[in-house]
């Protein structure tokens, strides 16, 4: 399968979106969404936001007073914790708190410092550490129990987050 990338007339490198983001989106399409719905949703939101801000003739509306409260952020985090084994989407999270996906993304990051996807991965890795310390499950079971696509997907994210492979972490427990 091949993709044609159209180059805009504007200088895209100075904008919020860069070619690396487009490459990430292309990789996600090529791997059939291996990194999960939240990751793909975040990339699509980034691209949509950039296109609207850069090429739309519609004037930006003044910000509304609605925002995610600390309580709603807590509800989202509780929901994420309860669904670590599933591939949840930003649409699912936004419907849970009845706020648009773009607004959930923006406000979640503003409050926590992380996108919902980054935070969800963090929760999965922390739960994986907890499960590995118990030494009752093999690594492939931990990976599947926490909703990773496969053990390699788990390994990659675990090492990126902790600096150790899951096996190295187990040995140090």
Protein backbone atom coordinates (compact mmCIF):
# COMPACT_ATOMS: atom_id res chain seq x y z
CA UNK A 1 0.00 0.00 0.00
CA UNK A 2 1.39 3.42 -0.88
CA UNK A 3 0.47 6.87 0.35
CA UNK A 4 0.69 10.19 -1.42
CA UNK A 5 1.68 13.05 0.81
CA UNK A 6 0.55 16.45 -0.41
CA UNK A 7 2.79 19.36 0.46
CA UNK A 8 0.94 22.51 1.48
CA UNK A 9 1.89 25.90 0.08
CA UNK A 10 2.49 27.20 3.62
CA UNK A 11 5.56 26.52 5.71
CA UNK A 12 4.31 23.62 7.83
CA UNK A 13 7.52 23.34 9.87
CA UNK A 14 6.79 26.55 11.74
CA UNK A 15 3.29 25.41 12.65
CA UNK A 16 2.24 23.24 15.58
CA UNK A 17 2.19 20.17 13.35
CA UNK A 18 5.34 18.79 11.79
CA UNK A 19 6.20 15.93 9.46
CA UNK A 20 7.06 13.68 12.38
CA UNK A 21 3.41 13.82 13.50
CA UNK A 22 2.29 12.87 10.00
CA UNK A 23 4.75 9.97 10.01
CA UNK A 24 3.35 8.79 13.35
CA UNK A 25 -0.15 8.85 11.90
CA UNK A 26 0.97 6.96 8.77
CA UNK A 27 2.71 4.33 10.95
CA UNK A 28 -0.44 3.93 13.02
CA UNK A 29 -2.49 3.36 9.85
CA UNK A 30 0.07 0.88 8.51
CA UNK A 31 0.11 -1.12 11.77
CA UNK A 32 -3.70 -1.19 11.99
CA UNK A 33 -3.80 0.87 15.17
CA UNK A 34 -1.31 -1.19 17.19
CA UNK A 35 -0.72 1.59 19.72
CA UNK A 36 -4.39 1.86 20.58
CA UNK A 37 -7.40 4.06 20.09
CA UNK A 38 -6.28 6.84 22.44
CA UNK A 39 -3.01 7.24 20.54
CA UNK A 40 -4.72 7.30 17.16
CA UNK A 41 -7.40 9.69 18.42
CA UNK A 42 -4.73 12.03 19.77
CA UNK A 43 -2.95 12.11 16.42
CA UNK A 44 -6.20 12.70 14.52
CA UNK A 45 -7.15 15.51 16.93
CA UNK A 46 -3.72 17.09 16.46
CA UNK A 47 -4.05 16.97 12.68
CA UNK A 48 -7.64 18.25 12.72
CA UNK A 49 -6.79 21.08 15.08
CA UNK A 50 -3.82 22.09 12.96
CA UNK A 51 -5.81 22.04 9.72
CA UNK A 52 -8.63 24.10 11.23
CA UNK A 53 -6.28 26.64 12.79
CA UNK A 54 -4.10 26.95 9.70
CA UNK A 55 -6.53 26.74 6.79
CA UNK A 56 -9.98 27.64 8.11
CA UNK A 57 -11.55 31.03 7.42
CA UNK A 58 -13.85 30.65 10.43
CA UNK A 59 -12.99 33.00 13.28
CA UNK A 60 -11.98 31.42 16.55
CA UNK A 61 -14.74 31.50 19.17
CA UNK A 62 -13.99 32.94 22.59
CA UNK A 63 -13.33 30.24 25.18
CA UNK A 64 -16.33 28.95 27.05
CA UNK A 65 -16.47 28.73 30.80
CA UNK A 66 -16.86 24.95 30.80
CA UNK A 67 -13.77 23.05 31.76
CA UNK A 68 -12.89 19.76 33.32
CA UNK A 69 -13.00 19.97 37.07
CA UNK A 70 -10.59 18.11 39.32
CA UNK A 71 -13.50 15.81 40.14
CA UNK A 72 -14.07 15.03 36.45
CA UNK A 73 -10.35 14.41 35.93
CA UNK A 74 -10.53 12.03 38.88
CA UNK A 75 -13.51 10.27 37.29
CA UNK A 76 -11.59 9.90 34.02
CA UNK A 77 -8.56 8.49 35.83
CA UNK A 78 -10.79 6.06 37.76
CA UNK A 79 -12.40 5.03 34.47
CA UNK A 80 -8.96 4.47 32.91
CA UNK A 81 -7.88 2.39 35.92
CA UNK A 82 -11.01 0.28 35.67
CA UNK A 83 -10.38 -0.34 31.96
CA UNK A 84 -6.65 -0.99 31.75
CA UNK A 85 -7.36 -4.24 29.94
CA UNK A 86 -9.26 -2.54 27.10
CA UNK A 87 -8.37 -0.26 24.22
CA UNK A 88 -10.38 2.83 25.14
CA UNK A 89 -10.84 5.86 22.89
CA UNK A 90 -10.92 9.58 23.51
CA UNK A 91 -14.55 9.52 22.29
CA UNK A 92 -15.35 7.04 25.03
CA UNK A 93 -13.66 9.21 27.65
CA UNK A 94 -15.38 12.35 26.42
CA UNK A 95 -18.81 10.73 26.47
CA UNK A 96 -18.10 9.61 30.03
CA UNK A 97 -17.79 13.24 31.19
CA UNK A 98 -20.09 14.74 28.50
CA UNK A 99 -17.45 17.07 27.03
CA UNK A 100 -16.07 17.15 23.47
CA UNK A 101 -13.01 14.97 22.72
CA UNK A 102 -10.87 17.98 21.82
CA UNK A 103 -11.79 19.72 25.06
CA UNK A 104 -11.10 16.58 27.11
CA UNK A 105 -7.66 16.26 25.49
CA UNK A 106 -6.76 19.90 26.07
CA UNK A 107 -8.08 20.16 29.63
CA UNK A 108 -6.70 16.77 30.71
CA UNK A 109 -3.24 17.79 29.56
CA UNK A 110 -3.57 21.22 31.16
CA UNK A 111 -4.46 19.66 34.53
CA UNK A 112 -2.22 16.56 34.55
CA UNK A 113 0.60 17.57 32.22
CA UNK A 114 -0.09 14.47 30.10
CA UNK A 115 -2.43 13.63 27.25
CA UNK A 116 -5.05 10.99 28.11
CA UNK A 117 -3.05 8.49 26.02
CA UNK A 118 0.21 9.22 27.88
CA UNK A 119 -1.54 9.00 31.24
CA UNK A 120 -3.28 5.74 30.28
CA UNK A 121 0.10 4.22 29.33
CA UNK A 122 1.54 5.44 32.64
CA UNK A 123 -1.29 3.72 34.53
CA UNK A 124 -0.73 0.50 32.58
CA UNK A 125 3.01 0.53 33.30
CA UNK A 126 2.46 1.18 37.02
CA UNK A 127 -0.04 -1.70 37.19
CA UNK A 128 2.43 -3.90 35.30
CA UNK A 129 5.12 -3.13 37.90
CA UNK A 130 2.72 -4.07 40.66
CA UNK A 131 1.78 -7.36 38.96
CA UNK A 132 5.41 -8.22 38.20
CA UNK A 133 6.42 -7.67 41.83
CA UNK A 134 3.89 -10.33 42.87
CA UNK A 135 5.64 -12.83 40.55
CA UNK A 136 2.42 -14.75 39.91
CA UNK A 137 2.15 -14.11 36.16
CA UNK A 138 4.53 -14.50 33.23
CA UNK A 139 5.29 -11.38 31.20
CA UNK A 140 3.03 -12.36 28.30
CA UNK A 141 0.11 -12.68 30.73
CA UNK A 142 0.86 -9.26 32.23
CA UNK A 143 0.95 -7.75 28.74
CA UNK A 144 -2.39 -9.24 27.72
CA UNK A 145 -4.02 -8.56 31.08
CA UNK A 146 -3.20 -4.86 30.68
CA UNK A 147 -4.47 -4.56 27.12
CA UNK A 148 -1.18 -4.37 25.26
CA UNK A 149 -1.41 -5.69 21.70
CA UNK A 150 1.36 -8.21 22.38
CA UNK A 151 4.45 -8.77 24.52
CA UNK A 152 6.63 -6.73 22.17
CA UNK A 153 4.27 -3.74 22.46
CA UNK A 154 4.40 -4.08 26.25
CA UNK A 155 8.20 -4.46 26.25
CA UNK A 156 8.69 -1.31 24.12
CA UNK A 157 6.47 0.89 26.30
CA UNK A 158 7.80 -0.52 29.56
CA UNK A 159 11.42 0.11 28.60
CA UNK A 160 10.63 3.62 27.37
CA UNK A 161 8.86 4.45 30.65
CA UNK A 162 11.27 2.81 33.11
CA UNK A 163 14.59 2.49 31.32
CA UNK A 164 14.50 -1.25 32.03
CA UNK A 165 13.12 -4.17 30.11
CA UNK A 166 10.32 -6.03 31.91
CA UNK A 167 12.72 -8.94 32.49
CA UNK A 168 15.34 -6.64 34.03
CA UNK A 169 12.66 -5.10 36.26
CA UNK A 170 11.56 -8.57 37.40
CA UNK A 171 15.12 -9.52 38.31
CA UNK A 172 15.49 -6.38 40.44
CA UNK A 173 12.28 -7.06 42.41
